[in-house]
Amino acid sequence: MLNSIGMNRLIVYGREECHLCQEMIASLQALQKQIHFEFQMIDIDNDPELVRLFNDRVPVLVSAAPAHEEICHYHLDVAALDAYFAKIR
């Protein structure tokens, strides 16, 4: 089991009306049936700094802790997510 300091929490930086963001969220929700993790979606358009950081690369999947490590962007890269989970176990 993953440790209890939030390592199994992920963040999707995206936009509300973004079809790639919706696809990544749907893929993550499907994967949650097999692997225990939580994620939240943050709309970058509510924060100018997030727009500056992620504007042309949304959706961006990052770890919530400790250092907001980027896992993948545009599409869910299951291999990259598996590698991240293997690294934190």
N, C-alpha and C. Protein backbone atom coordinates (compact mmCIF):
# COMPACT_ATOMS: atom_id res chain seq x y z
N MET A 1 0.84 -1.19 0.00
CA MET A 1 0.00 0.00 0.00
C MET A 1 0.88 1.25 0.00
N LEU A 2 0.42 2.28 -0.66
CA LEU A 2 1.17 3.52 -0.72
C LEU A 2 1.19 4.18 0.65
N ASN A 3 2.22 4.98 0.89
CA ASN A 3 2.32 5.60 2.21
C ASN A 3 1.22 6.63 2.41
N SER A 4 1.13 7.13 3.63
CA SER A 4 -0.02 7.95 3.99
C SER A 4 0.22 9.45 3.88
N ILE A 5 1.31 9.90 3.29
CA ILE A 5 1.56 11.34 3.23
C ILE A 5 1.12 11.95 1.90
N GLY A 6 0.22 11.29 1.20
CA GLY A 6 -0.34 11.88 0.00
C GLY A 6 0.35 11.48 -1.28
N MET A 7 1.22 10.51 -1.23
CA MET A 7 1.94 10.11 -2.43
C MET A 7 1.01 9.47 -3.47
N ASN A 8 -0.15 8.97 -3.03
CA ASN A 8 -1.08 8.35 -3.96
C ASN A 8 -2.12 9.36 -4.44
N ARG A 9 -1.82 10.64 -4.27
CA ARG A 9 -2.70 11.70 -4.75
C ARG A 9 -2.07 12.35 -5.97
N LEU A 10 -2.90 12.62 -6.95
CA LEU A 10 -2.45 13.21 -8.20
C LEU A 10 -3.24 14.48 -8.48
N ILE A 11 -2.69 15.32 -9.33
CA ILE A 11 -3.36 16.54 -9.77
C ILE A 11 -3.37 16.56 -11.29
N VAL A 12 -4.52 16.89 -11.85
CA VAL A 12 -4.63 17.13 -13.29
C VAL A 12 -4.82 18.63 -13.47
N TYR A 13 -3.83 19.28 -14.07
CA TYR A 13 -3.98 20.68 -14.44
C TYR A 13 -4.59 20.72 -15.83
N GLY A 14 -5.72 21.40 -15.96
CA GLY A 14 -6.41 21.42 -17.25
C GLY A 14 -7.37 22.58 -17.36
N ARG A 15 -8.29 22.42 -18.28
CA ARG A 15 -9.32 23.43 -18.53
C ARG A 15 -10.67 22.74 -18.57
N GLU A 16 -11.68 23.50 -18.20
CA GLU A 16 -13.03 22.95 -18.12
C GLU A 16 -13.53 22.45 -19.48
N GLU A 17 -13.32 23.18 -20.52
CA GLU A 17 -13.85 22.83 -21.85
C GLU A 17 -12.79 22.18 -22.75
N CYS A 18 -11.93 21.38 -22.19
CA CYS A 18 -10.83 20.76 -22.92
C CYS A 18 -11.12 19.28 -23.12
N HIS A 19 -11.25 18.84 -24.38
CA HIS A 19 -11.57 17.44 -24.62
C HIS A 19 -10.44 16.50 -24.20
N LEU A 20 -9.19 16.92 -24.35
CA LEU A 20 -8.08 16.08 -23.88
C LEU A 20 -8.11 15.94 -22.36
N CYS A 21 -8.49 17.01 -21.67
CA CYS A 21 -8.60 16.96 -20.21
C CYS A 21 -9.70 15.99 -19.80
N GLN A 22 -10.83 16.06 -20.48
CA GLN A 22 -11.94 15.15 -20.18
C GLN A 22 -11.55 13.70 -20.45
N GLU A 23 -10.78 13.47 -21.51
CA GLU A 23 -10.31 12.11 -21.81
C GLU A 23 -9.36 11.59 -20.73
N MET A 24 -8.44 12.45 -20.27
CA MET A 24 -7.51 12.02 -19.23
C MET A 24 -8.26 11.71 -17.93
N ILE A 25 -9.22 12.54 -17.58
CA ILE A 25 -10.01 12.31 -16.37
C ILE A 25 -10.78 11.00 -16.47
N ALA A 26 -11.39 10.74 -17.61
CA ALA A 26 -12.12 9.48 -17.80
C ALA A 26 -11.17 8.28 -17.70
N SER A 27 -9.97 8.40 -18.26
CA SER A 27 -8.99 7.32 -18.19
C SER A 27 -8.54 7.09 -16.75
N LEU A 28 -8.33 8.17 -16.01
CA LEU A 28 -7.94 8.03 -14.60
C LEU A 28 -9.06 7.40 -13.78
N GLN A 29 -10.29 7.80 -14.04
CA GLN A 29 -11.43 7.23 -13.31
C GLN A 29 -11.55 5.73 -13.60
N ALA A 30 -11.32 5.31 -14.84
CA ALA A 30 -11.36 3.89 -15.18
C ALA A 30 -10.24 3.14 -14.47
N LEU A 31 -9.07 3.75 -14.40
CA LEU A 31 -7.92 3.12 -13.76
C LEU A 31 -8.11 2.99 -12.25
N GLN A 32 -8.90 3.89 -11.66
CA GLN A 32 -9.15 3.83 -10.22
C GLN A 32 -9.88 2.54 -9.83
N LYS A 33 -10.50 1.85 -10.77
CA LYS A 33 -11.16 0.58 -10.47
C LYS A 33 -10.14 -0.54 -10.24
N GLN A 34 -8.90 -0.31 -10.68
CA GLN A 34 -7.84 -1.30 -10.55
C GLN A 34 -6.77 -0.91 -9.53
N ILE A 35 -6.51 0.39 -9.39
CA ILE A 35 -5.44 0.89 -8.54
C ILE A 35 -6.02 1.95 -7.61
N HIS A 36 -5.65 1.89 -6.32
CA HIS A 36 -6.14 2.90 -5.38
C HIS A 36 -5.28 4.16 -5.48
N PHE A 37 -5.91 5.25 -5.91
CA PHE A 37 -5.29 6.57 -5.89
C PHE A 37 -6.41 7.60 -5.98
N GLU A 38 -6.08 8.81 -5.64
CA GLU A 38 -7.02 9.92 -5.73
C GLU A 38 -6.43 10.98 -6.65
N PHE A 39 -7.31 11.73 -7.29
CA PHE A 39 -6.82 12.86 -8.08
C PHE A 39 -7.83 13.99 -8.01
N GLN A 40 -7.32 15.18 -8.27
CA GLN A 40 -8.19 16.34 -8.37
C GLN A 40 -7.84 17.08 -9.65
N MET A 41 -8.84 17.72 -10.21
CA MET A 41 -8.66 18.53 -11.41
C MET A 41 -8.60 19.99 -10.97
N ILE A 42 -7.58 20.70 -11.45
CA ILE A 42 -7.46 22.13 -11.17
C ILE A 42 -7.53 22.86 -12.50
N ASP A 43 -8.50 23.77 -12.61
CA ASP A 43 -8.69 24.57 -13.82
C ASP A 43 -7.63 25.68 -13.83
N ILE A 44 -6.73 25.61 -14.79
CA ILE A 44 -5.62 26.59 -14.83
C ILE A 44 -6.11 27.99 -15.14
N ASP A 45 -7.27 28.11 -15.78
CA ASP A 45 -7.75 29.44 -16.18
C ASP A 45 -8.14 30.30 -14.99
N ASN A 46 -8.18 29.73 -13.80
CA ASN A 46 -8.48 30.50 -12.59
C ASN A 46 -7.24 31.10 -11.94
N ASP A 47 -6.06 30.85 -12.54
CA ASP A 47 -4.80 31.30 -11.92
C ASP A 47 -3.81 31.66 -13.03
N PRO A 48 -3.47 32.94 -13.18
CA PRO A 48 -2.55 33.37 -14.24
C PRO A 48 -1.20 32.65 -14.21
N GLU A 49 -0.71 32.32 -13.03
CA GLU A 49 0.57 31.61 -12.93
C GLU A 49 0.45 30.20 -13.50
N LEU A 50 -0.67 29.53 -13.25
CA LEU A 50 -0.88 28.19 -13.82
C LEU A 50 -1.03 28.25 -15.33
N VAL A 51 -1.69 29.29 -15.83
CA VAL A 51 -1.79 29.48 -17.28
C VAL A 51 -0.39 29.64 -17.86
N ARG A 52 0.44 30.43 -17.21
CA ARG A 52 1.81 30.64 -17.69
C ARG A 52 2.58 29.31 -17.72
N LEU A 53 2.40 28.50 -16.68
CA LEU A 53 3.15 27.25 -16.59
C LEU A 53 2.65 26.16 -17.53
N PHE A 54 1.33 26.06 -17.72
CA PHE A 54 0.77 24.88 -18.38
C PHE A 54 -0.06 25.18 -19.63
N ASN A 55 -0.19 26.39 -20.04
CA ASN A 55 -1.14 26.81 -21.06
C ASN A 55 -1.25 25.88 -22.27
N ASP A 56 -0.16 25.62 -22.94
CA ASP A 56 -0.20 24.85 -24.19
C ASP A 56 -0.01 23.36 -23.98
N ARG A 57 0.10 22.90 -22.73
CA ARG A 57 0.41 21.49 -22.49
C ARG A 57 -0.71 20.74 -21.76
N VAL A 58 -1.84 21.38 -21.51
CA VAL A 58 -2.90 20.72 -20.75
C VAL A 58 -3.51 19.57 -21.54
N PRO A 59 -3.95 18.54 -20.85
CA PRO A 59 -3.85 18.35 -19.41
C PRO A 59 -2.45 17.89 -19.01
N VAL A 60 -2.06 18.26 -17.79
CA VAL A 60 -0.78 17.85 -17.22
C VAL A 60 -1.08 17.10 -15.93
N LEU A 61 -0.59 15.86 -15.84
CA LEU A 61 -0.77 15.04 -14.65
C LEU A 61 0.50 15.12 -13.82
N VAL A 62 0.35 15.51 -12.55
CA VAL A 62 1.50 15.64 -11.65
C VAL A 62 1.18 14.96 -10.32
N SER A 63 2.24 14.62 -9.60
CA SER A 63 2.06 14.10 -8.25
C SER A 63 1.67 15.26 -7.34
N ALA A 64 0.83 14.97 -6.36
CA ALA A 64 0.42 16.02 -5.42
C ALA A 64 1.50 16.28 -4.38
N ALA A 65 2.32 15.29 -4.11
CA ALA A 65 3.36 15.43 -3.08
C ALA A 65 4.56 14.58 -3.48
N PRO A 66 5.72 14.88 -3.09
CA PRO A 66 6.06 16.13 -2.39
C PRO A 66 6.43 17.26 -3.34
N ALA A 67 6.85 16.96 -4.55
CA ALA A 67 7.44 18.02 -5.38
C ALA A 67 6.67 18.28 -6.68
N HIS A 68 5.44 17.86 -6.75
CA HIS A 68 4.63 18.08 -7.95
C HIS A 68 5.37 17.62 -9.22
N GLU A 69 5.83 16.38 -9.16
CA GLU A 69 6.57 15.79 -10.28
C GLU A 69 5.62 15.55 -11.45
N GLU A 70 5.99 16.03 -12.63
CA GLU A 70 5.16 15.78 -13.81
C GLU A 70 5.27 14.32 -14.21
N ILE A 71 4.11 13.71 -14.42
CA ILE A 71 4.04 12.31 -14.83
C ILE A 71 3.83 12.22 -16.33
N CYS A 72 2.89 13.00 -16.85
CA CYS A 72 2.64 13.02 -18.29
C CYS A 72 1.78 14.23 -18.63
N HIS A 73 1.64 14.49 -19.92
CA HIS A 73 0.72 15.54 -20.37
C HIS A 73 0.10 15.14 -21.71
N TYR A 74 -0.95 15.85 -22.09
CA TYR A 74 -1.79 15.60 -23.26
C TYR A 74 -2.66 14.36 -23.12
N HIS A 75 -2.05 13.20 -22.90
CA HIS A 75 -2.79 11.94 -22.77
C HIS A 75 -2.25 11.18 -21.58
N LEU A 76 -3.09 10.33 -20.99
CA LEU A 76 -2.63 9.52 -19.88
C LEU A 76 -1.62 8.50 -20.39
N ASP A 77 -0.42 8.57 -19.86
CA ASP A 77 0.64 7.61 -20.17
C ASP A 77 0.65 6.59 -19.02
N VAL A 78 -0.03 5.46 -19.23
CA VAL A 78 -0.18 4.47 -18.18
C VAL A 78 1.17 3.92 -17.74
N ALA A 79 2.10 3.75 -18.67
CA ALA A 79 3.43 3.26 -18.32
C ALA A 79 4.15 4.26 -17.40
N ALA A 80 4.04 5.54 -17.69
CA ALA A 80 4.67 6.56 -16.84
C ALA A 80 4.00 6.61 -15.47
N LEU A 81 2.68 6.44 -15.42
CA LEU A 81 1.98 6.41 -14.14
C LEU A 81 2.37 5.18 -13.33
N ASP A 82 2.46 4.02 -14.00
CA ASP A 82 2.92 2.80 -13.33
C ASP A 82 4.33 2.98 -12.77
N ALA A 83 5.21 3.61 -13.54
CA ALA A 83 6.58 3.84 -13.09
C ALA A 83 6.59 4.78 -11.89
N TYR A 84 5.74 5.78 -11.88
CA TYR A 84 5.66 6.68 -10.73
C TYR A 84 5.20 5.93 -9.50
N PHE A 85 4.13 5.14 -9.62
CA PHE A 85 3.63 4.37 -8.49
C PHE A 85 4.66 3.37 -7.99
N ALA A 86 5.39 2.73 -8.90
CA ALA A 86 6.42 1.76 -8.49
C ALA A 86 7.54 2.47 -7.72
N LYS A 87 7.87 3.67 -8.12
CA LYS A 87 8.94 4.44 -7.48
C LYS A 87 8.58 4.84 -6.06
N ILE A 88 7.29 5.11 -5.80
CA ILE A 88 6.92 5.63 -4.48
C ILE A 88 6.49 4.53 -3.51
N ARG A 89 6.44 3.30 -3.95
CA ARG A 89 6.02 2.21 -3.05
C ARG A 89 7.13 1.81 -2.14
